[in-house]
N, C-alpha and C. Protein backbone atom coordinates (compact mmCIF):
# COMPACT_ATOMS: atom_id res chain seq x y z
N MET A 1 104.37 154.04 84.40
CA MET A 1 103.30 154.14 83.57
C MET A 1 103.17 152.53 83.12
N LEU A 2 102.09 152.38 82.28
CA LEU A 2 102.12 151.07 81.77
C LEU A 2 103.14 150.55 80.62
N PRO A 3 103.29 149.82 80.21
CA PRO A 3 104.18 149.47 78.92
C PRO A 3 103.54 149.29 77.94
N SER A 4 102.23 148.70 77.82
CA SER A 4 101.56 149.10 76.63
C SER A 4 101.46 150.68 76.13
N ILE A 5 101.33 151.11 77.27
CA ILE A 5 101.56 152.68 76.79
C ILE A 5 102.35 153.46 76.08
N ILE A 6 103.72 153.07 76.79
CA ILE A 6 104.95 153.67 76.37
C ILE A 6 105.40 152.53 75.15
N ASN A 7 105.18 151.53 74.65
CA ASN A 7 105.57 150.66 73.58
C ASN A 7 104.80 151.11 72.42
N ARG A 8 103.42 151.49 72.69
CA ARG A 8 102.47 151.55 71.49
C ARG A 8 103.07 152.54 70.35
N ARG A 9 102.90 152.03 68.85
CA ARG A 9 103.28 152.47 67.85
C ARG A 9 102.10 152.61 67.02
N SER A 10 102.24 153.67 66.01
CA SER A 10 101.30 153.06 64.70
C SER A 10 102.01 152.66 63.88
N ILE A 11 101.34 151.50 63.59
CA ILE A 11 102.18 150.49 62.49
C ILE A 11 101.32 150.62 61.12
N ARG A 12 102.43 151.08 60.23
CA ARG A 12 102.26 151.33 59.01
C ARG A 12 102.33 149.98 57.54
N LYS A 13 103.09 148.98 58.35
CA LYS A 13 103.91 147.65 57.67
C LYS A 13 103.41 146.62 58.51
N TYR A 14 102.82 145.28 57.97
CA TYR A 14 102.04 144.17 58.42
C TYR A 14 102.63 143.53 57.75
N LYS A 15 103.08 142.29 58.60
CA LYS A 15 103.28 140.78 58.13
C LYS A 15 102.05 140.31 57.66
N ASN A 16 101.80 139.22 56.50
CA ASN A 16 100.98 138.49 56.11
C ASN A 16 100.80 137.15 56.77
N THR A 17 100.14 137.60 58.40
CA THR A 17 100.59 136.66 59.44
C THR A 17 98.98 136.72 59.95
N PRO A 18 98.17 135.70 59.78
CA PRO A 18 96.68 135.81 60.33
C PRO A 18 96.45 136.08 61.84
N VAL A 19 95.53 137.11 62.01
CA VAL A 19 95.15 137.39 63.43
C VAL A 19 94.05 136.70 63.97
N THR A 20 94.26 135.84 65.22
CA THR A 20 93.02 134.89 65.66
C THR A 20 92.23 135.53 65.91
N LYS A 21 90.83 134.87 65.79
CA LYS A 21 89.34 135.70 66.36
C LYS A 21 89.38 135.76 67.71
N GLN A 22 90.10 135.25 68.39
CA GLN A 22 90.18 135.37 69.53
C GLN A 22 90.82 136.17 70.13
N ALA A 23 92.05 136.97 69.40
CA ALA A 23 92.65 138.37 69.65
C ALA A 23 91.60 139.39 69.12
N ILE A 24 91.23 139.29 68.15
CA ILE A 24 90.16 140.03 67.48
C ILE A 24 89.37 140.60 68.63
N GLU A 25 88.62 139.37 69.16
CA GLU A 25 87.60 139.67 70.02
C GLU A 25 88.12 140.26 71.18
N GLU A 26 89.17 139.71 71.87
CA GLU A 26 89.83 140.68 73.12
C GLU A 26 90.14 141.67 72.89
N ILE A 27 90.43 142.38 71.81
CA ILE A 27 90.54 143.83 71.36
C ILE A 27 89.43 144.77 71.23
N ILE A 28 88.37 143.90 70.71
CA ILE A 28 87.19 144.76 70.75
C ILE A 28 86.32 144.82 72.16
N GLN A 29 86.52 143.75 73.08
CA GLN A 29 86.03 143.31 74.02
C GLN A 29 86.66 144.77 75.09
N ALA A 30 87.86 144.85 75.00
CA ALA A 30 88.79 146.21 75.54
C ALA A 30 88.18 147.61 74.93
N GLY A 31 87.82 147.54 73.75
CA GLY A 31 86.78 148.79 73.68
C GLY A 31 85.71 148.89 73.89
N ILE A 32 84.77 147.76 74.16
CA ILE A 32 83.20 148.08 74.76
C ILE A 32 83.53 148.34 76.32
N LEU A 33 84.63 148.14 77.31
CA LEU A 33 84.84 148.18 78.53
C LEU A 33 85.24 149.74 78.73
N ALA A 34 85.28 150.39 77.57
CA ALA A 34 85.84 152.17 77.53
C ALA A 34 84.79 152.61 78.42
N PRO A 35 84.96 153.93 79.11
CA PRO A 35 83.87 154.75 79.44
C PRO A 35 83.34 155.15 78.30
N SER A 36 82.04 155.80 78.48
CA SER A 36 81.30 156.75 77.51
C SER A 36 80.33 157.39 78.44
N SER A 37 80.21 158.52 77.64
CA SER A 37 79.10 159.35 78.36
C SER A 37 77.41 158.69 78.33
N LYS A 38 77.09 159.08 79.51
CA LYS A 38 75.70 158.82 80.20
C LYS A 38 75.72 157.12 79.88
N ASN A 39 77.08 156.56 79.97
CA ASN A 39 76.70 155.03 79.39
C ASN A 39 75.94 154.66 78.31
N ARG A 40 76.25 155.71 77.17
CA ARG A 40 75.29 155.09 76.10
C ARG A 40 76.11 154.28 75.33
N GLN A 41 77.25 154.12 75.55
CA GLN A 41 78.28 153.32 74.85
C GLN A 41 77.98 153.16 73.02
N PRO A 42 78.00 154.13 72.44
CA PRO A 42 78.05 154.87 71.14
C PRO A 42 78.94 154.04 70.19
N TRP A 43 79.09 152.81 70.12
CA TRP A 43 79.63 151.98 69.11
C TRP A 43 79.35 150.74 68.84
N ARG A 44 79.20 150.59 67.67
CA ARG A 44 79.26 149.28 66.79
C ARG A 44 80.54 148.80 65.81
N PHE A 45 80.84 147.69 65.83
CA PHE A 45 82.03 147.12 65.27
C PHE A 45 81.88 146.53 63.97
N ILE A 46 82.55 146.66 63.03
CA ILE A 46 82.67 145.87 61.51
C ILE A 46 83.89 145.42 61.47
N VAL A 47 83.93 144.15 61.40
CA VAL A 47 85.40 143.52 61.45
C VAL A 47 85.56 142.89 59.62
N ALA A 48 86.21 143.48 59.31
CA ALA A 48 86.53 143.24 57.32
C ALA A 48 87.94 142.42 57.57
N GLN A 49 87.63 141.06 56.85
CA GLN A 49 88.94 140.50 56.77
C GLN A 49 88.97 139.58 55.02
N GLY A 50 89.91 138.98 54.93
CA GLY A 50 89.64 138.12 53.60
C GLY A 50 88.76 138.86 52.45
N LYS A 51 87.97 138.36 51.65
CA LYS A 51 86.91 139.01 50.39
C LYS A 51 86.41 140.25 50.94
N GLU A 52 85.82 140.03 52.22
CA GLU A 52 84.94 141.15 52.87
C GLU A 52 86.36 142.49 52.88
N LYS A 53 87.11 142.48 53.27
CA LYS A 53 88.25 143.32 53.10
C LYS A 53 88.73 143.92 52.07
N GLU A 54 88.67 142.90 50.99
CA GLU A 54 88.87 143.43 49.64
C GLU A 54 87.62 144.52 49.13
N ILE A 55 86.45 144.04 49.20
CA ILE A 55 85.26 144.95 48.87
C ILE A 55 85.27 146.31 49.80
N VAL A 56 85.86 146.53 50.84
CA VAL A 56 85.98 147.76 51.50
C VAL A 56 87.15 148.59 51.15
N LEU A 57 88.01 147.83 50.77
CA LEU A 57 89.03 148.58 49.91
C LEU A 57 88.81 148.88 48.80
N LYS A 58 88.26 148.34 48.29
CA LYS A 58 87.61 148.82 46.59
C LYS A 58 86.50 150.69 46.78
N ALA A 59 85.86 150.23 48.07
CA ALA A 59 85.09 151.20 48.06
C ALA A 59 85.78 152.22 48.81
N MET A 60 86.95 152.40 49.36
CA MET A 60 87.87 153.39 49.89
C MET A 60 88.37 153.58 48.78
N LYS A 61 89.23 152.81 47.74
CA LYS A 61 89.72 153.59 46.53
C LYS A 61 88.73 154.32 45.40
N LYS A 62 87.65 153.84 45.40
CA LYS A 62 86.75 154.59 44.64
C LYS A 62 86.16 155.76 45.57
N GLY A 63 86.13 156.14 46.92
CA GLY A 63 85.78 157.20 47.23
C GLY A 63 87.11 158.26 47.41
N LEU A 64 88.31 157.91 46.94
CA LEU A 64 89.57 158.40 47.03
C LEU A 64 89.57 159.30 45.20
N GLU A 65 88.91 158.00 44.55
CA GLU A 65 88.85 158.87 43.14
C GLU A 65 87.80 159.63 43.07
N ARG A 66 86.86 159.46 43.43
CA ARG A 66 85.79 160.99 43.47
C ARG A 66 86.39 162.07 44.44
N GLU A 67 87.11 161.55 45.42
CA GLU A 67 87.08 163.21 46.29
C GLU A 67 88.40 163.98 45.31
N LYS A 68 89.03 163.14 44.05
CA LYS A 68 90.30 163.96 43.79
C LYS A 68 88.88 165.00 42.51
N GLU A 69 87.77 164.69 42.22
CA GLU A 69 87.02 165.48 41.49
C GLU A 69 86.02 166.26 41.97
N ASN A 70 85.35 165.56 43.13
CA ASN A 70 84.45 166.10 44.13
C ASN A 70 84.76 166.20 45.32
N PRO A 71 85.51 166.93 46.07
CA PRO A 71 86.01 166.41 47.23
C PRO A 71 84.73 167.12 48.39
N LEU A 72 84.56 166.25 49.27
CA LEU A 72 83.70 166.50 50.76
C LEU A 72 84.86 167.30 51.50
N LEU A 73 86.38 166.96 51.64
CA LEU A 73 87.12 167.64 52.39
C LEU A 73 87.39 168.75 51.54
N LYS A 74 87.24 169.76 51.20
CA LYS A 74 87.47 170.84 50.26
C LYS A 74 88.81 171.44 50.58
N ASN A 75 89.28 171.46 51.80
CA ASN A 75 90.08 172.14 52.35
C ASN A 75 91.33 171.54 52.87
N SER A 76 91.38 169.88 52.71
CA SER A 76 92.00 169.05 53.24
C SER A 76 92.78 168.58 52.14
N LYS A 77 92.76 169.20 51.01
CA LYS A 77 94.16 168.67 49.93
C LYS A 77 95.65 168.55 50.16
N GLN A 78 96.23 168.92 51.35
CA GLN A 78 97.24 168.76 51.84
C GLN A 78 97.30 167.08 52.41
N TYR A 79 96.37 166.85 52.43
CA TYR A 79 96.59 165.44 53.34
C TYR A 79 95.89 164.22 52.62
N PHE A 80 95.91 164.39 51.38
CA PHE A 80 94.90 163.47 50.07
C PHE A 80 95.88 162.53 50.00
N SER A 81 97.37 162.78 50.17
CA SER A 81 98.29 161.45 49.53
C SER A 81 98.28 161.10 50.73
N GLY A 82 98.43 161.51 51.94
CA GLY A 82 98.36 160.53 53.20
C GLY A 82 96.71 159.61 53.09
N ALA A 83 96.04 160.38 52.63
CA ALA A 83 94.83 159.11 52.24
C ALA A 83 95.19 158.17 51.65
N GLU A 84 95.86 158.23 50.80
CA GLU A 84 96.23 157.23 49.61
C GLU A 84 97.28 156.03 50.32
N TYR A 85 97.99 156.72 50.82
CA TYR A 85 98.82 155.71 51.74
C TYR A 85 98.31 154.62 52.30
N THR A 86 97.22 155.32 52.98
CA THR A 86 96.53 154.85 54.35
C THR A 86 95.89 153.63 53.39
N LEU A 87 95.48 154.01 52.39
CA LEU A 87 94.58 152.65 51.82
C LEU A 87 95.44 151.75 51.48
N LYS A 88 97.08 152.05 50.88
CA LYS A 88 97.69 150.83 50.98
C LYS A 88 98.23 149.96 52.13
N ILE A 89 98.17 151.01 53.47
CA ILE A 89 98.07 150.19 54.59
C ILE A 89 97.07 149.41 54.95
N MET A 90 95.97 149.63 54.76
CA MET A 90 95.21 148.75 55.00
C MET A 90 95.02 147.54 53.98
N GLY A 91 95.60 148.19 53.00
CA GLY A 91 95.56 146.64 51.98
C GLY A 91 96.25 145.79 53.00
N GLN A 92 97.59 146.08 53.59
CA GLN A 92 98.39 144.80 54.08
C GLN A 92 97.77 144.46 55.36
N ALA A 93 97.27 145.17 55.95
CA ALA A 93 96.93 144.37 57.17
C ALA A 93 95.65 143.47 57.13
N PRO A 94 95.77 142.52 58.03
CA PRO A 94 95.19 141.32 57.90
C PRO A 94 93.62 141.91 58.29
N VAL A 95 93.33 142.54 59.28
CA VAL A 95 92.62 142.75 59.89
C VAL A 95 92.28 144.63 60.04
N ILE A 96 90.86 144.97 59.59
CA ILE A 96 90.59 146.58 59.42
C ILE A 96 88.75 146.40 60.45
N ILE A 97 89.22 147.02 61.58
CA ILE A 97 88.03 147.08 62.11
C ILE A 97 87.25 148.66 62.38
N PHE A 98 86.19 148.79 61.71
CA PHE A 98 85.35 149.68 61.35
C PHE A 98 84.32 150.17 62.66
N ILE A 99 84.62 151.04 62.95
CA ILE A 99 83.77 152.00 64.30
C ILE A 99 82.86 152.93 63.95
N ILE A 100 81.33 152.16 64.12
CA ILE A 100 80.52 153.11 63.87
C ILE A 100 79.67 153.71 65.03
N ASN A 101 79.17 154.64 64.94
CA ASN A 101 78.21 155.81 66.13
C ASN A 101 77.00 155.42 65.66
N PRO A 102 76.29 154.40 66.06
CA PRO A 102 74.65 154.14 66.04
C PRO A 102 73.96 155.25 66.01
N LEU A 103 74.24 156.20 67.04
CA LEU A 103 73.73 157.38 67.81
C LEU A 103 74.25 158.63 66.81
N GLY A 104 75.04 158.65 66.22
CA GLY A 104 75.64 159.49 65.30
C GLY A 104 74.64 160.52 64.19
N VAL A 105 75.18 161.59 64.22
CA VAL A 105 74.21 162.43 63.25
C VAL A 105 75.37 162.57 62.07
N ASP A 106 74.48 162.41 60.58
CA ASP A 106 75.17 162.77 59.10
C ASP A 106 75.88 163.88 59.01
N ILE A 107 76.97 163.63 58.84
CA ILE A 107 77.91 164.87 58.78
C ILE A 107 77.55 166.03 57.87
N ASN A 108 76.67 165.39 57.23
CA ASN A 108 75.83 166.98 56.24
C ASN A 108 74.93 167.41 57.04
N ASN A 109 74.62 167.18 58.28
CA ASN A 109 73.12 167.58 58.78
C ASN A 109 74.25 168.88 59.44
N SER A 110 73.14 169.95 59.84
CA SER A 110 73.36 171.06 60.76
C SER A 110 72.84 170.75 62.33
N LEU A 111 73.62 171.10 63.57
CA LEU A 111 73.34 170.87 64.45
C LEU A 111 73.05 171.68 65.26
N ASN A 112 72.20 171.73 66.43
CA ASN A 112 71.77 172.62 67.11
C ASN A 112 73.04 172.55 68.20
N ALA A 113 73.00 173.44 69.41
CA ALA A 113 73.93 173.69 70.32
C ALA A 113 73.89 172.24 71.02
N GLU A 114 72.96 171.91 72.09
CA GLU A 114 72.72 170.50 72.13
C GLU A 114 73.11 169.19 71.21
N GLU A 115 72.67 169.28 70.24
CA GLU A 115 73.02 167.98 69.33
C GLU A 115 74.18 168.24 69.33
N ARG A 116 75.18 169.44 69.33
CA ARG A 116 76.31 169.32 68.97
C ARG A 116 77.27 168.67 70.15
N VAL A 117 76.87 169.12 71.09
CA VAL A 117 77.31 168.43 72.62
C VAL A 117 77.39 166.91 72.80
N TYR A 118 75.74 166.57 72.38
CA TYR A 118 75.76 165.09 72.49
C TYR A 118 76.94 164.38 71.54
N GLU A 119 77.04 165.13 70.53
CA GLU A 119 77.68 164.62 69.12
C GLU A 119 79.18 164.31 69.94
N ILE A 120 79.61 165.62 70.13
CA ILE A 120 81.10 165.44 70.63
C ILE A 120 81.15 164.61 72.12
N CYS A 121 80.35 164.57 73.17
CA CYS A 121 80.29 163.33 73.78
C CYS A 121 80.66 162.12 73.50
N ASN A 122 79.74 161.81 72.75
CA ASN A 122 79.66 160.35 71.81
C ASN A 122 81.28 160.14 71.18
N ASN A 123 81.44 161.17 70.52
CA ASN A 123 82.98 160.78 69.91
C ASN A 123 83.79 160.62 71.14
N GLN A 124 83.86 161.43 72.11
CA GLN A 124 85.03 161.66 73.04
C GLN A 124 84.95 159.61 73.79
N SER A 125 83.69 159.31 74.04
CA SER A 125 83.67 157.79 74.36
C SER A 125 84.16 157.14 73.23
N ILE A 126 84.16 157.38 71.87
CA ILE A 126 84.62 156.28 71.06
C ILE A 126 85.88 156.63 70.87
N GLY A 127 86.72 157.88 71.35
CA GLY A 127 87.81 157.80 71.27
C GLY A 127 88.51 156.92 72.61
N ALA A 128 87.76 156.90 73.41
CA ALA A 128 88.39 155.98 74.64
C ALA A 128 88.35 154.66 74.37
N CYS A 129 87.38 154.29 73.76
CA CYS A 129 87.31 152.56 73.14
C CYS A 129 88.24 152.48 72.12
N ILE A 130 88.62 153.46 71.02
CA ILE A 130 89.81 153.13 70.23
C ILE A 130 90.81 153.09 70.81
N GLU A 131 91.34 153.90 72.05
CA GLU A 131 92.66 153.61 72.90
C GLU A 131 92.50 152.29 73.12
N ASN A 132 91.45 151.85 74.19
CA ASN A 132 91.77 150.95 74.66
C ASN A 132 91.86 149.74 73.89
N MET A 133 91.38 149.70 72.37
CA MET A 133 91.68 148.75 71.48
C MET A 133 93.02 148.49 71.38
N ILE A 134 93.49 149.92 70.66
CA ILE A 134 95.02 149.83 70.51
C ILE A 134 95.99 149.60 71.38
N LEU A 135 95.88 149.96 72.67
CA LEU A 135 96.58 149.54 73.63
C LEU A 135 96.48 148.00 73.65
N THR A 136 95.46 147.36 73.66
CA THR A 136 95.23 146.02 73.95
C THR A 136 96.22 145.35 72.97
N ALA A 137 95.74 145.56 71.62
CA ALA A 137 96.42 145.31 70.51
C ALA A 137 98.09 145.29 70.63
N THR A 138 98.45 146.26 71.41
CA THR A 138 100.04 146.26 71.78
C THR A 138 100.30 145.38 72.84
N GLU A 139 99.37 145.12 73.59
CA GLU A 139 99.57 144.57 74.93
C GLU A 139 99.67 142.55 74.35
N LEU A 140 99.03 142.38 73.15
CA LEU A 140 98.85 141.30 72.82
C LEU A 140 100.09 140.84 71.64
N GLY A 141 100.82 142.08 71.58
CA GLY A 141 102.25 141.75 70.36
C GLY A 141 101.76 142.00 68.98
N LEU A 142 100.40 143.02 69.01
CA LEU A 142 99.77 142.96 67.66
C LEU A 142 100.33 144.75 67.27
N GLY A 143 100.15 144.98 66.01
CA GLY A 143 100.45 146.64 65.62
C GLY A 143 99.12 146.89 65.40
N SER A 144 98.76 148.19 65.44
CA SER A 144 97.66 148.74 65.16
C SER A 144 97.84 149.94 64.51
N LEU A 145 96.73 150.69 63.33
CA LEU A 145 96.70 152.08 63.13
C LEU A 145 95.39 152.40 63.58
N TRP A 146 95.14 153.60 64.18
CA TRP A 146 94.04 154.42 64.30
C TRP A 146 93.94 155.48 63.15
N ILE A 147 92.89 154.88 61.94
CA ILE A 147 92.60 155.51 60.72
C ILE A 147 91.49 156.61 61.13
N CYS A 148 91.67 158.12 60.66
CA CYS A 148 90.36 159.06 60.43
C CYS A 148 90.60 158.98 58.75
N ASP A 149 91.60 158.56 58.14
CA ASP A 149 91.26 158.69 56.49
C ASP A 149 90.04 158.10 55.93
N THR A 150 89.11 157.72 56.44
CA THR A 150 88.00 156.95 55.87
C THR A 150 87.46 158.29 55.36
N TYR A 151 86.96 159.43 55.87
CA TYR A 151 86.54 160.73 55.56
C TYR A 151 86.56 161.39 54.32
N PHE A 152 87.90 160.64 53.91
CA PHE A 152 87.64 161.10 52.33
C PHE A 152 87.14 159.91 51.44
N ALA A 153 86.71 158.68 51.90
CA ALA A 153 85.89 157.93 50.99
C ALA A 153 84.56 157.62 52.17
N TYR A 154 84.03 158.73 52.80
CA TYR A 154 83.26 158.45 53.65
C TYR A 154 81.57 157.95 53.02
N GLU A 155 81.10 158.56 52.11
CA GLU A 155 79.91 158.12 51.73
C GLU A 155 80.39 156.75 50.95
N GLU A 156 80.85 156.54 50.15
CA GLU A 156 81.36 155.33 49.65
C GLU A 156 81.57 154.20 50.69
N LEU A 157 82.51 154.21 51.95
CA LEU A 157 82.34 153.07 52.98
C LEU A 157 81.26 153.04 53.56
N LYS A 158 80.27 154.14 53.47
CA LYS A 158 79.05 154.14 54.77
C LYS A 158 78.29 153.18 53.29
N THR A 159 78.29 153.36 52.32
CA THR A 159 77.33 152.45 51.60
C THR A 159 77.91 151.36 51.57
N CYS A 160 79.18 151.21 51.51
CA CYS A 160 79.41 149.53 51.47
C CYS A 160 79.48 149.03 52.74
N LEU A 161 79.56 149.68 53.84
CA LEU A 161 79.64 149.08 55.13
C LEU A 161 78.14 148.48 55.52
N ASN A 162 77.04 149.29 55.16
CA ASN A 162 75.85 149.02 54.94
C ASN A 162 75.20 148.97 56.61
N SER A 163 75.78 150.00 57.32
CA SER A 163 75.31 149.81 58.69
C SER A 163 74.78 151.18 59.39
N ASN A 164 73.50 150.99 60.19
CA ASN A 164 72.68 152.13 61.00
C ASN A 164 73.78 153.14 61.53
N GLY A 165 74.15 154.08 61.12
CA GLY A 165 74.81 155.38 62.16
C GLY A 165 76.09 155.26 61.21
N GLU A 166 76.74 156.32 61.88
CA GLU A 166 78.02 157.10 61.36
C GLU A 166 79.08 156.56 61.15
N LEU A 167 79.90 156.35 60.40
CA LEU A 167 81.44 155.84 60.33
C LEU A 167 82.13 156.78 60.76
N VAL A 168 83.04 156.51 61.96
CA VAL A 168 83.58 157.40 62.60
C VAL A 168 85.40 157.09 62.24
N ALA A 169 85.64 155.92 62.71
CA ALA A 169 87.37 155.55 61.96
C ALA A 169 87.19 154.10 62.11
N ALA A 170 88.40 153.80 61.53
CA ALA A 170 88.75 152.45 61.24
C ALA A 170 90.23 152.27 62.29
N VAL A 171 90.30 151.12 62.25
CA VAL A 171 91.62 150.51 63.18
C VAL A 171 92.09 149.39 62.36
N THR A 172 93.25 149.24 62.08
CA THR A 172 93.98 148.08 61.35
C THR A 172 94.57 147.51 62.40
N ILE A 173 94.51 146.18 62.26
CA ILE A 173 95.26 145.17 63.40
C ILE A 173 95.98 144.28 62.05
N GLY A 174 97.33 143.81 62.96
CA GLY A 174 97.94 142.76 62.36
C GLY A 174 99.67 142.73 63.01
N TYR A 175 100.20 141.58 62.65
CA TYR A 175 101.42 141.70 63.55
C TYR A 175 102.67 142.59 62.50
N ALA A 176 103.21 143.26 63.04
CA ALA A 176 104.07 144.32 62.84
C ALA A 176 105.20 144.08 62.04
N ASP A 177 105.31 144.76 60.78
CA ASP A 177 106.58 144.34 59.87
C ASP A 177 107.60 145.57 59.77
N GLU A 178 107.67 146.01 60.85
CA GLU A 178 108.34 147.28 61.34
C GLU A 178 108.56 147.44 62.70
N SER A 179 109.56 148.51 63.07
CA SER A 179 110.02 149.06 65.02
C SER A 179 109.97 150.14 64.52
N PRO A 180 108.84 151.08 64.46
CA PRO A 180 109.12 152.54 64.41
C PRO A 180 109.53 152.97 65.43
N SER A 181 110.58 153.94 65.69
CA SER A 181 110.85 154.85 66.99
C SER A 181 109.70 155.20 67.41
N ALA A 182 109.71 155.95 68.53
CA ALA A 182 108.62 156.58 69.23
C ALA A 182 108.87 158.19 68.73
N ARG A 183 107.88 158.70 68.48
CA ARG A 183 107.65 159.90 67.84
C ARG A 183 108.05 160.98 68.91
N SER A 184 108.24 162.46 68.79
CA SER A 184 108.49 163.21 69.85
C SER A 184 107.06 163.85 70.12
N ARG A 185 107.24 163.78 71.51
CA ARG A 185 106.05 164.32 72.21
C ARG A 185 106.21 165.71 72.88
N LYS A 186 105.45 166.47 73.19
CA LYS A 186 105.25 167.54 73.97
C LYS A 186 105.61 167.36 75.28
N SER A 187 106.65 168.06 75.91
CA SER A 187 106.83 168.01 77.05
C SER A 187 105.37 168.15 78.32
N ILE A 188 105.77 167.82 79.59
CA ILE A 188 104.61 168.22 80.16
C ILE A 188 104.66 169.61 80.56
N ASP A 189 105.86 170.32 80.53
CA ASP A 189 105.92 171.72 80.85
C ASP A 189 105.14 172.57 79.78
N ASP A 190 105.01 171.92 78.28
CA ASP A 190 104.95 172.83 77.62
C ASP A 190 103.08 172.89 77.41
N VAL A 191 102.55 171.62 78.20
CA VAL A 191 101.14 171.31 77.73
C VAL A 191 100.04 171.70 79.13
N VAL A 192 101.08 171.60 80.09
CA VAL A 192 100.22 171.85 81.30
C VAL A 192 100.12 173.16 82.18
N GLU A 193 99.13 173.80 82.75
CA GLU A 193 99.27 175.10 83.20
C GLU A 193 98.75 174.92 84.60
N TRP A 194 99.52 175.10 85.63
CA TRP A 194 98.98 174.37 86.97
C TRP A 194 98.49 175.76 87.66
N ARG A 195 97.35 175.51 88.46
CA ARG A 195 96.39 176.87 89.04
C ARG A 195 96.32 176.55 90.27
N GLU A 196 96.43 177.12 91.06
CA GLU A 196 96.14 176.88 92.62
C GLU A 196 95.56 177.98 93.35
């Protein structure tokens, strides 16, 4: 098995050390090389650093404040404190990469069966893209965190990012200031059913 798969960890504490543009581009290029359904390549990337990062953090904070009063994710209250913690992590990381699906359908829209399959296939492709990115970050000696808590501030971040398409996730990148142990995983016997 590849060392980057074995050694990858979700990093939630970062050093205050800049990440080079070359490293960021290499991480994004790895994402671009991911397989995608019908080769649609349903991704765009917005890299937020410095002052721009502060702007998106304010949008995330504003969204979290709104979510307390008028939740988009009404059945996800048990995860809200995790989203607040994610905001702190995003603030520490030198780089936040937002992944946008330019072919995505607004989450408030209803979908027919064909549109739903199309959306699922594109999101699977984006998942492969993000996995390539975080494995490449590991290979480069960088830490990363795949973030979906952006949905708690979905409208605010979409408005702030001002990009055509749907916000799918964010990835923080930076030099790790922690060395977390591997989290437990189910065994192969627990998750595989052999049929012959």
